[in-house]
């Protein structure tokens, strides 16, 4: 079991939910994750040829967030560092 970071611990103790957090919770429920992952998996790169790819589910979640929030690749990368709710939705950590 891995230890959580200070940022994740601070976020866990937060009380009020933002509109972004409410939206992401709704998307968690309505997006057919298993179906989409099954469709994409045969086309997703596998480990062994160069740098190891990120988990497919995390990349799908990041891609969808980029579209929902109109973020470029660099803006999404910064948002993942700065915004805990986006990191949590993407199943990523600062560790």
PDB file of N, CA and C in Angstrom:
ATOM      1  N   UNK A   1       0.852  -1.179   0.000  1.00  0.00           N
ATOM      2  CA  UNK A   1       0.000   0.000   0.000  1.00  0.00           C
ATOM      3  C   UNK A   1       0.892   1.235   0.000  1.00  0.00           C
ATOM      4  N   UNK A   2       0.587   2.206  -0.860  1.00  0.00           N
ATOM      5  CA  UNK A   2       1.421   3.397  -0.947  1.00  0.00           C
ATOM      6  C   UNK A   2       0.908   4.488  -0.012  1.00  0.00           C
ATOM      7  N   UNK A   3       1.817   5.317   0.390  1.00  0.00           N
ATOM      8  CA  UNK A   3       1.500   6.418   1.287  1.00  0.00           C
ATOM      9  C   UNK A   3       0.974   7.598   0.462  1.00  0.00           C
ATOM     10  N   UNK A   4      -0.046   8.311   0.987  1.00  0.00           N
ATOM     11  CA  UNK A   4      -0.572   9.448   0.253  1.00  0.00           C
ATOM     12  C   UNK A   4       0.310  10.663   0.465  1.00  0.00           C
ATOM     13  N   UNK A   5       0.284  11.567  -0.517  1.00  0.00           N
ATOM     14  CA  UNK A   5       1.104  12.768  -0.427  1.00  0.00           C
ATOM     15  C   UNK A   5       0.432  13.801   0.471  1.00  0.00           C
ATOM     16  N   UNK A   6       1.175  14.832   0.856  1.00  0.00           N
ATOM     17  CA  UNK A   6       0.612  15.908   1.661  1.00  0.00           C
ATOM     18  C   UNK A   6      -0.536  16.593   0.923  1.00  0.00           C
ATOM     19  N   UNK A   7      -0.372  16.794  -0.383  1.00  0.00           N
ATOM     20  CA  UNK A   7      -1.417  17.446  -1.178  1.00  0.00           C
ATOM     21  C   UNK A   7      -2.696  16.615  -1.176  1.00  0.00           C
ATOM     22  N   UNK A   8      -2.550  15.296  -1.342  1.00  0.00           N
ATOM     23  CA  UNK A   8      -3.721  14.423  -1.326  1.00  0.00           C
ATOM     24  C   UNK A   8      -4.373  14.390   0.044  1.00  0.00           C
ATOM     25  N   UNK A   9      -3.578  14.414   1.101  1.00  0.00           N
ATOM     26  CA  UNK A   9      -4.121  14.420   2.464  1.00  0.00           C
ATOM     27  C   UNK A   9      -4.876  15.715   2.741  1.00  0.00           C
ATOM     28  N   UNK A  10      -4.327  16.837   2.283  1.00  0.00           N
ATOM     29  CA  UNK A  10      -4.993  18.127   2.479  1.00  0.00           C
ATOM     30  C   UNK A  10      -6.320  18.150   1.719  1.00  0.00           C
ATOM     31  N   UNK A  11      -6.321  17.634   0.496  1.00  0.00           N
ATOM     32  CA  UNK A  11      -7.528  17.616  -0.318  1.00  0.00           C
ATOM     33  C   UNK A  11      -8.604  16.727   0.316  1.00  0.00           C
ATOM     34  N   UNK A  12      -8.192  15.614   0.918  1.00  0.00           N
ATOM     35  CA  UNK A  12      -9.143  14.683   1.522  1.00  0.00           C
ATOM     36  C   UNK A  12      -9.893  15.318   2.690  1.00  0.00           C
ATOM     37  N   UNK A  13      -9.270  16.279   3.373  1.00  0.00           N
ATOM     38  CA  UNK A  13      -9.895  16.917   4.520  1.00  0.00           C
ATOM     39  C   UNK A  13     -10.791  18.092   4.161  1.00  0.00           C
ATOM     40  N   UNK A  14     -10.921  18.397   2.887  1.00  0.00           N
ATOM     41  CA  UNK A  14     -11.725  19.515   2.428  1.00  0.00           C
ATOM     42  C   UNK A  14     -13.210  19.225   2.582  1.00  0.00           C
ATOM     43  N   UNK A  15     -14.010  20.246   2.862  1.00  0.00           N
ATOM     44  CA  UNK A  15     -15.432  20.012   3.099  1.00  0.00           C
ATOM     45  C   UNK A  15     -16.333  20.401   1.928  1.00  0.00           C
ATOM     46  N   UNK A  16     -16.195  21.596   1.395  1.00  0.00           N
ATOM     47  CA  UNK A  16     -17.080  22.082   0.337  1.00  0.00           C
ATOM     48  C   UNK A  16     -16.660  21.519  -1.023  1.00  0.00           C
ATOM     49  N   UNK A  17     -17.653  21.097  -1.811  1.00  0.00           N
ATOM     50  CA  UNK A  17     -17.371  20.614  -3.158  1.00  0.00           C
ATOM     51  C   UNK A  17     -17.559  21.754  -4.143  1.00  0.00           C
ATOM     52  N   UNK A  18     -16.623  21.868  -5.062  1.00  0.00           N
ATOM     53  CA  UNK A  18     -16.709  22.891  -6.101  1.00  0.00           C
ATOM     54  C   UNK A  18     -17.611  22.386  -7.226  1.00  0.00           C
ATOM     55  N   UNK A  19     -17.991  23.295  -8.129  1.00  0.00           N
ATOM     56  CA  UNK A  19     -18.787  22.885  -9.288  1.00  0.00           C
ATOM     57  C   UNK A  19     -18.017  21.874 -10.137  1.00  0.00           C
ATOM     58  N   UNK A  20     -16.711  22.062 -10.235  1.00  0.00           N
ATOM     59  CA  UNK A  20     -15.879  21.131 -11.005  1.00  0.00           C
ATOM     60  C   UNK A  20     -15.938  19.735 -10.385  1.00  0.00           C
ATOM     61  N   UNK A  21     -15.842  19.653  -9.083  1.00  0.00           N
ATOM     62  CA  UNK A  21     -15.887  18.354  -8.406  1.00  0.00           C
ATOM     63  C   UNK A  21     -17.243  17.674  -8.595  1.00  0.00           C
ATOM     64  N   UNK A  22     -18.314  18.447  -8.497  1.00  0.00           N
ATOM     65  CA  UNK A  22     -19.662  17.898  -8.704  1.00  0.00           C
ATOM     66  C   UNK A  22     -19.790  17.380 -10.138  1.00  0.00           C
ATOM     67  N   UNK A  23     -19.310  18.168 -11.106  1.00  0.00           N
ATOM     68  CA  UNK A  23     -19.347  17.760 -12.510  1.00  0.00           C
ATOM     69  C   UNK A  23     -18.576  16.457 -12.720  1.00  0.00           C
ATOM     70  N   UNK A  24     -17.366  16.372 -12.160  1.00  0.00           N
ATOM     71  CA  UNK A  24     -16.549  15.165 -12.337  1.00  0.00           C
ATOM     72  C   UNK A  24     -17.200  13.947 -11.689  1.00  0.00           C
ATOM     73  N   UNK A  25     -17.865  14.142 -10.562  1.00  0.00           N
ATOM     74  CA  UNK A  25     -18.594  13.034  -9.924  1.00  0.00           C
ATOM     75  C   UNK A  25     -19.727  12.543 -10.823  1.00  0.00           C
ATOM     76  N   UNK A  26     -20.422  13.489 -11.468  1.00  0.00           N
ATOM     77  CA  UNK A  26     -21.490  13.107 -12.394  1.00  0.00           C
ATOM     78  C   UNK A  26     -20.925  12.351 -13.592  1.00  0.00           C
ATOM     79  N   UNK A  27     -19.802  12.827 -14.122  1.00  0.00           N
ATOM     80  CA  UNK A  27     -19.187  12.161 -15.267  1.00  0.00           C
ATOM     81  C   UNK A  27     -18.702  10.763 -14.898  1.00  0.00           C
ATOM     82  N   UNK A  28     -18.243  10.602 -13.674  1.00  0.00           N
ATOM     83  CA  UNK A  28     -17.811   9.286 -13.184  1.00  0.00           C
ATOM     84  C   UNK A  28     -18.959   8.285 -13.317  1.00  0.00           C
ATOM     85  N   UNK A  29     -20.177   8.753 -13.081  1.00  0.00           N
ATOM     86  CA  UNK A  29     -21.347   7.879 -13.112  1.00  0.00           C
ATOM     87  C   UNK A  29     -21.896   7.651 -14.526  1.00  0.00           C
ATOM     88  N   UNK A  30     -21.855   8.664 -15.383  1.00  0.00           N
ATOM     89  CA  UNK A  30     -22.544   8.545 -16.677  1.00  0.00           C
ATOM     90  C   UNK A  30     -21.669   8.055 -17.832  1.00  0.00           C
ATOM     91  N   UNK A  31     -20.372   8.223 -17.753  1.00  0.00           N
ATOM     92  CA  UNK A  31     -19.491   7.772 -18.841  1.00  0.00           C
ATOM     93  C   UNK A  31     -19.349   6.249 -18.767  1.00  0.00           C
ATOM     94  N   UNK A  32     -19.567   5.547 -19.873  1.00  0.00           N
ATOM     95  CA  UNK A  32     -19.433   4.079 -19.874  1.00  0.00           C
ATOM     96  C   UNK A  32     -17.952   3.672 -19.946  1.00  0.00           C
ATOM     97  N   UNK A  33     -17.251   3.760 -18.832  1.00  0.00           N
ATOM     98  CA  UNK A  33     -15.800   3.554 -18.788  1.00  0.00           C
ATOM     99  C   UNK A  33     -15.375   2.206 -19.352  1.00  0.00           C
ATOM    100  N   UNK A  34     -16.007   1.130 -18.892  1.00  0.00           N
ATOM    101  CA  UNK A  34     -15.571  -0.209 -19.317  1.00  0.00           C
ATOM    102  C   UNK A  34     -15.727  -0.396 -20.829  1.00  0.00           C
ATOM    103  N   UNK A  35     -16.815   0.118 -21.381  1.00  0.00           N
ATOM    104  CA  UNK A  35     -17.057  -0.013 -22.825  1.00  0.00           C
ATOM    105  C   UNK A  35     -15.990   0.754 -23.602  1.00  0.00           C
ATOM    106  N   UNK A  36     -15.717   1.990 -23.201  1.00  0.00           N
ATOM    107  CA  UNK A  36     -14.717   2.803 -23.896  1.00  0.00           C
ATOM    108  C   UNK A  36     -13.325   2.181 -23.797  1.00  0.00           C
ATOM    109  N   UNK A  37     -12.976   1.688 -22.627  1.00  0.00           N
ATOM    110  CA  UNK A  37     -11.658   1.075 -22.453  1.00  0.00           C
ATOM    111  C   UNK A  37     -11.505  -0.157 -23.338  1.00  0.00           C
ATOM    112  N   UNK A  38     -12.572  -0.946 -23.453  1.00  0.00           N
ATOM    113  CA  UNK A  38     -12.535  -2.143 -24.302  1.00  0.00           C
ATOM    114  C   UNK A  38     -12.313  -1.788 -25.765  1.00  0.00           C
ATOM    115  N   UNK A  39     -12.926  -0.683 -26.205  1.00  0.00           N
ATOM    116  CA  UNK A  39     -12.798  -0.251 -27.601  1.00  0.00           C
ATOM    117  C   UNK A  39     -11.382   0.264 -27.879  1.00  0.00           C
ATOM    118  N   UNK A  40     -10.816   1.015 -26.941  1.00  0.00           N
ATOM    119  CA  UNK A  40      -9.520   1.668 -27.148  1.00  0.00           C
ATOM    120  C   UNK A  40      -8.331   0.731 -26.929  1.00  0.00           C
ATOM    121  N   UNK A  41      -8.467  -0.214 -26.014  1.00  0.00           N
ATOM    122  CA  UNK A  41      -7.335  -1.051 -25.593  1.00  0.00           C
ATOM    123  C   UNK A  41      -6.545  -1.698 -26.731  1.00  0.00           C
ATOM    124  N   UNK A  42      -7.186  -2.254 -27.760  1.00  0.00           N
ATOM    125  CA  UNK A  42      -6.389  -2.880 -28.829  1.00  0.00           C
ATOM    126  C   UNK A  42      -5.486  -1.894 -29.586  1.00  0.00           C
ATOM    127  N   UNK A  43      -5.789  -0.611 -29.524  1.00  0.00           N
ATOM    128  CA  UNK A  43      -5.027   0.400 -30.258  1.00  0.00           C
ATOM    129  C   UNK A  43      -4.036   1.159 -29.374  1.00  0.00           C
ATOM    130  N   UNK A  44      -4.051   0.882 -28.073  1.00  0.00           N
ATOM    131  CA  UNK A  44      -3.208   1.621 -27.137  1.00  0.00           C
ATOM    132  C   UNK A  44      -1.814   0.995 -27.084  1.00  0.00           C
ATOM    133  N   UNK A  45      -0.753   1.820 -27.026  1.00  0.00           N
ATOM    134  CA  UNK A  45       0.613   1.264 -26.997  1.00  0.00           C
ATOM    135  C   UNK A  45       0.851   0.368 -25.771  1.00  0.00           C
ATOM    136  N   UNK A  46       1.695  -0.628 -25.964  1.00  0.00           N
ATOM    137  CA  UNK A  46       2.042  -1.527 -24.865  1.00  0.00           C
ATOM    138  C   UNK A  46       3.474  -1.246 -24.411  1.00  0.00           C
ATOM    139  N   UNK A  47       3.783  -1.636 -23.192  1.00  0.00           N
ATOM    140  CA  UNK A  47       5.124  -1.454 -22.653  1.00  0.00           C
ATOM    141  C   UNK A  47       6.106  -2.337 -23.419  1.00  0.00           C
ATOM    142  N   UNK A  48       7.339  -1.881 -23.478  1.00  0.00           N
ATOM    143  CA  UNK A  48       8.372  -2.683 -24.126  1.00  0.00           C
ATOM    144  C   UNK A  48       8.985  -2.006 -25.323  1.00  0.00           C
ATOM    145  N   UNK A  49       8.273  -1.102 -25.930  1.00  0.00           N
ATOM    146  CA  UNK A  49       8.806  -0.372 -27.079  1.00  0.00           C
ATOM    147  C   UNK A  49       8.997   1.081 -26.677  1.00  0.00           C
ATOM    148  N   UNK A  50      10.137   1.385 -26.107  1.00  0.00           N
ATOM    149  CA  UNK A  50      10.401   2.759 -25.672  1.00  0.00           C
ATOM    150  C   UNK A  50       9.897   3.014 -24.262  1.00  0.00           C
ATOM    151  N   UNK A  51       9.506   4.246 -24.040  1.00  0.00           N
ATOM    152  CA  UNK A  51       9.043   4.656 -22.721  1.00  0.00           C
ATOM    153  C   UNK A  51       7.724   3.983 -22.361  1.00  0.00           C
ATOM    154  N   UNK A  52       7.589   3.587 -21.104  1.00  0.00           N
ATOM    155  CA  UNK A  52       6.376   2.911 -20.649  1.00  0.00           C
ATOM    156  C   UNK A  52       5.188   3.881 -20.682  1.00  0.00           C
ATOM    157  N   UNK A  53       4.070   3.496 -21.324  1.00  0.00           N
ATOM    158  CA  UNK A  53       2.925   4.407 -21.412  1.00  0.00           C
ATOM    159  C   UNK A  53       2.182   4.516 -20.080  1.00  0.00           C
ATOM    160  N   UNK A  54       1.470   5.634 -19.918  1.00  0.00           N
ATOM    161  CA  UNK A  54       0.601   5.790 -18.751  1.00  0.00           C
ATOM    162  C   UNK A  54      -0.545   4.795 -18.872  1.00  0.00           C
ATOM    163  N   UNK A  55      -1.210   4.554 -17.754  1.00  0.00           N
ATOM    164  CA  UNK A  55      -2.355   3.638 -17.756  1.00  0.00           C
ATOM    165  C   UNK A  55      -3.426   4.154 -18.714  1.00  0.00           C
ATOM    166  N   UNK A  56      -4.023   3.257 -19.464  1.00  0.00           N
ATOM    167  CA  UNK A  56      -5.028   3.620 -20.450  1.00  0.00           C
ATOM    168  C   UNK A  56      -6.179   4.403 -19.827  1.00  0.00           C
ATOM    169  N   UNK A  57      -6.677   3.950 -18.700  1.00  0.00           N
ATOM    170  CA  UNK A  57      -7.821   4.629 -18.077  1.00  0.00           C
ATOM    171  C   UNK A  57      -7.467   6.058 -17.680  1.00  0.00           C
ATOM    172  N   UNK A  58      -6.273   6.261 -17.151  1.00  0.00           N
ATOM    173  CA  UNK A  58      -5.849   7.612 -16.784  1.00  0.00           C
ATOM    174  C   UNK A  58      -5.761   8.509 -18.007  1.00  0.00           C
ATOM    175  N   UNK A  59      -5.217   7.989 -19.095  1.00  0.00           N
ATOM    176  CA  UNK A  59      -5.095   8.793 -20.311  1.00  0.00           C
ATOM    177  C   UNK A  59      -6.462   9.124 -20.907  1.00  0.00           C
ATOM    178  N   UNK A  60      -7.393   8.184 -20.862  1.00  0.00           N
ATOM    179  CA  UNK A  60      -8.745   8.452 -21.340  1.00  0.00           C
ATOM    180  C   UNK A  60      -9.393   9.559 -20.510  1.00  0.00           C
ATOM    181  N   UNK A  61      -9.238   9.481 -19.200  1.00  0.00           N
ATOM    182  CA  UNK A  61      -9.817  10.488 -18.310  1.00  0.00           C
ATOM    183  C   UNK A  61      -9.191  11.863 -18.556  1.00  0.00           C
ATOM    184  N   UNK A  62      -7.888  11.903 -18.765  1.00  0.00           N
ATOM    185  CA  UNK A  62      -7.207  13.172 -19.053  1.00  0.00           C
ATOM    186  C   UNK A  62      -7.709  13.740 -20.376  1.00  0.00           C
ATOM    187  N   UNK A  63      -7.820  12.894 -21.379  1.00  0.00           N
ATOM    188  CA  UNK A  63      -8.302  13.356 -22.686  1.00  0.00           C
ATOM    189  C   UNK A  63      -9.716  13.935 -22.584  1.00  0.00           C
ATOM    190  N   UNK A  64     -10.587  13.263 -21.867  1.00  0.00           N
ATOM    191  CA  UNK A  64     -11.951  13.761 -21.716  1.00  0.00           C
ATOM    192  C   UNK A  64     -11.969  15.091 -20.956  1.00  0.00           C
ATOM    193  N   UNK A  65     -11.158  15.203 -19.915  1.00  0.00           N
ATOM    194  CA  UNK A  65     -11.104  16.466 -19.168  1.00  0.00           C
ATOM    195  C   UNK A  65     -10.600  17.597 -20.055  1.00  0.00           C
ATOM    196  N   UNK A  66      -9.633  17.298 -20.917  1.00  0.00           N
ATOM    197  CA  UNK A  66      -9.142  18.323 -21.848  1.00  0.00           C
ATOM    198  C   UNK A  66     -10.283  18.856 -22.710  1.00  0.00           C
ATOM    199  N   UNK A  67     -11.139  17.970 -23.151  1.00  0.00           N
ATOM    200  CA  UNK A  67     -12.277  18.377 -23.973  1.00  0.00           C
ATOM    201  C   UNK A  67     -13.333  19.110 -23.153  1.00  0.00           C
ATOM    202  N   UNK A  68     -13.667  18.590 -21.989  1.00  0.00           N
ATOM    203  CA  UNK A  68     -14.703  19.202 -21.154  1.00  0.00           C
ATOM    204  C   UNK A  68     -14.318  20.608 -20.711  1.00  0.00           C
ATOM    205  N   UNK A  69     -13.038  20.818 -20.387  1.00  0.00           N
ATOM    206  CA  UNK A  69     -12.598  22.102 -19.839  1.00  0.00           C
ATOM    207  C   UNK A  69     -11.806  22.939 -20.854  1.00  0.00           C
ATOM    208  N   UNK A  70     -11.763  22.496 -22.118  1.00  0.00           N
ATOM    209  CA  UNK A  70     -11.090  23.220 -23.200  1.00  0.00           C
ATOM    210  C   UNK A  70      -9.641  23.572 -22.852  1.00  0.00           C
ATOM    211  N   UNK A  71      -8.860  22.539 -22.514  1.00  0.00           N
ATOM    212  CA  UNK A  71      -7.465  22.729 -22.130  1.00  0.00           C
ATOM    213  C   UNK A  71      -6.528  22.134 -23.181  1.00  0.00           C
ATOM    214  N   UNK A  72      -5.441  22.852 -23.467  1.00  0.00           N
ATOM    215  CA  UNK A  72      -4.400  22.327 -24.355  1.00  0.00           C
ATOM    216  C   UNK A  72      -3.584  21.291 -23.578  1.00  0.00           C
ATOM    217  N   UNK A  73      -2.675  20.609 -24.260  1.00  0.00           N
ATOM    218  CA  UNK A  73      -1.812  19.642 -23.571  1.00  0.00           C
ATOM    219  C   UNK A  73      -1.012  20.303 -22.442  1.00  0.00           C
ATOM    220  N   UNK A  74      -0.310  21.429 -22.704  1.00  0.00           N
ATOM    221  CA  UNK A  74       0.445  22.061 -21.608  1.00  0.00           C
ATOM    222  C   UNK A  74      -0.461  22.568 -20.482  1.00  0.00           C
ATOM    223  N   UNK A  75      -1.629  23.092 -20.845  1.00  0.00           N
ATOM    224  CA  UNK A  75      -2.550  23.580 -19.809  1.00  0.00           C
ATOM    225  C   UNK A  75      -3.090  22.425 -18.960  1.00  0.00           C
ATOM    226  N   UNK A  76      -3.352  21.287 -19.592  1.00  0.00           N
ATOM    227  CA  UNK A  76      -3.824  20.116 -18.850  1.00  0.00           C
ATOM    228  C   UNK A  76      -2.748  19.613 -17.911  1.00  0.00           C
ATOM    229  N   UNK A  77      -1.513  19.599 -18.376  1.00  0.00           N
ATOM    230  CA  UNK A  77      -0.405  19.149 -17.529  1.00  0.00           C
ATOM    231  C   UNK A  77      -0.286  20.037 -16.290  1.00  0.00           C
ATOM    232  N   UNK A  78      -0.357  21.344 -16.478  1.00  0.00           N
ATOM    233  CA  UNK A  78      -0.296  22.264 -15.338  1.00  0.00           C
ATOM    234  C   UNK A  78      -1.487  22.076 -14.417  1.00  0.00           C
ATOM    235  N   UNK A  79      -2.668  21.898 -14.993  1.00  0.00           N
ATOM    236  CA  UNK A  79      -3.870  21.715 -14.183  1.00  0.00           C
ATOM    237  C   UNK A  79      -3.767  20.453 -13.323  1.00  0.00           C
ATOM    238  N   UNK A  80      -3.177  19.391 -13.873  1.00  0.00           N
ATOM    239  CA  UNK A  80      -3.023  18.161 -13.097  1.00  0.00           C
ATOM    240  C   UNK A  80      -2.087  18.357 -11.911  1.00  0.00           C
ATOM    241  N   UNK A  81      -1.080  19.223 -12.065  1.00  0.00           N
ATOM    242  CA  UNK A  81      -0.188  19.524 -10.951  1.00  0.00           C
ATOM    243  C   UNK A  81      -0.890  20.374  -9.899  1.00  0.00           C
ATOM    244  N   UNK A  82      -1.710  21.322 -10.355  1.00  0.00           N
ATOM    245  CA  UNK A  82      -2.278  22.317  -9.457  1.00  0.00           C
ATOM    246  C   UNK A  82      -3.624  21.952  -8.844  1.00  0.00           C
ATOM    247  N   UNK A  83      -4.446  21.173  -9.538  1.00  0.00           N
ATOM    248  CA  UNK A  83      -5.827  20.950  -9.112  1.00  0.00           C
ATOM    249  C   UNK A  83      -6.017  19.497  -8.685  1.00  0.00           C
ATOM    250  N   UNK A  84      -6.216  19.312  -7.406  1.00  0.00           N
ATOM    251  CA  UNK A  84      -6.322  17.967  -6.836  1.00  0.00           C
ATOM    252  C   UNK A  84      -7.523  17.193  -7.366  1.00  0.00           C
ATOM    253  N   UNK A  85      -8.636  17.862  -7.609  1.00  0.00           N
ATOM    254  CA  UNK A  85      -9.827  17.152  -8.094  1.00  0.00           C
ATOM    255  C   UNK A  85      -9.584  16.546  -9.480  1.00  0.00           C
ATOM    256  N   UNK A  86      -8.826  17.235 -10.324  1.00  0.00           N
ATOM    257  CA  UNK A  86      -8.507  16.690 -11.644  1.00  0.00           C
ATOM    258  C   UNK A  86      -7.568  15.489 -11.523  1.00  0.00           C
ATOM    259  N   UNK A  87      -6.583  15.609 -10.644  1.00  0.00           N
ATOM    260  CA  UNK A  87      -5.646  14.496 -10.403  1.00  0.00           C
ATOM    261  C   UNK A  87      -6.402  13.286  -9.901  1.00  0.00           C
ATOM    262  N   UNK A  88      -7.294  13.504  -8.974  1.00  0.00           N
ATOM    263  CA  UNK A  88      -8.065  12.401  -8.391  1.00  0.00           C
ATOM    264  C   UNK A  88      -8.926  11.722  -9.450  1.00  0.00           C
ATOM    265  N   UNK A  89      -9.609  12.514 -10.288  1.00  0.00           N
ATOM    266  CA  UNK A  89     -10.457  11.963 -11.336  1.00  0.00           C
ATOM    267  C   UNK A  89      -9.642  11.122 -12.312  1.00  0.00           C
ATOM    268  N   UNK A  90      -8.424  11.568 -12.607  1.00  0.00           N
ATOM    269  CA  UNK A  90      -7.552  10.852 -13.549  1.00  0.00           C
ATOM    270  C   UNK A  90      -6.827   9.674 -12.910  1.00  0.00           C
ATOM    271  N   UNK A  91      -7.060   9.456 -11.623  1.00  0.00           N
ATOM    272  CA  UNK A  91      -6.380   8.388 -10.870  1.00  0.00           C
ATOM    273  C   UNK A  91      -4.867   8.561 -10.901  1.00  0.00           C
ATOM    274  N   UNK A  92      -4.436   9.824 -10.751  1.00  0.00           N
ATOM    275  CA  UNK A  92      -3.008  10.137 -10.704  1.00  0.00           C
ATOM    276  C   UNK A  92      -2.645  10.697  -9.330  1.00  0.00           C
ATOM    277  N   UNK A  93      -1.371  10.689  -9.015  1.00  0.00           N
ATOM    278  CA  UNK A  93      -0.876  11.207  -7.745  1.00  0.00           C
ATOM    279  C   UNK A  93       0.408  11.986  -7.991  1.00  0.00           C
ATOM    280  N   UNK A  94       0.755  12.839  -7.059  1.00  0.00           N
ATOM    281  CA  UNK A  94       2.001  13.583  -7.186  1.00  0.00           C
ATOM    282  C   UNK A  94       3.221  12.763  -6.780  1.00  0.00           C
ATOM    283  N   UNK A  95       3.006  11.568  -6.269  1.00  0.00           N
ATOM    284  CA  UNK A  95       4.116  10.700  -5.845  1.00  0.00           C
ATOM    285  C   UNK A  95       4.964  10.289  -7.011  1.00  0.00           C
TER     286      UNK A  95
END
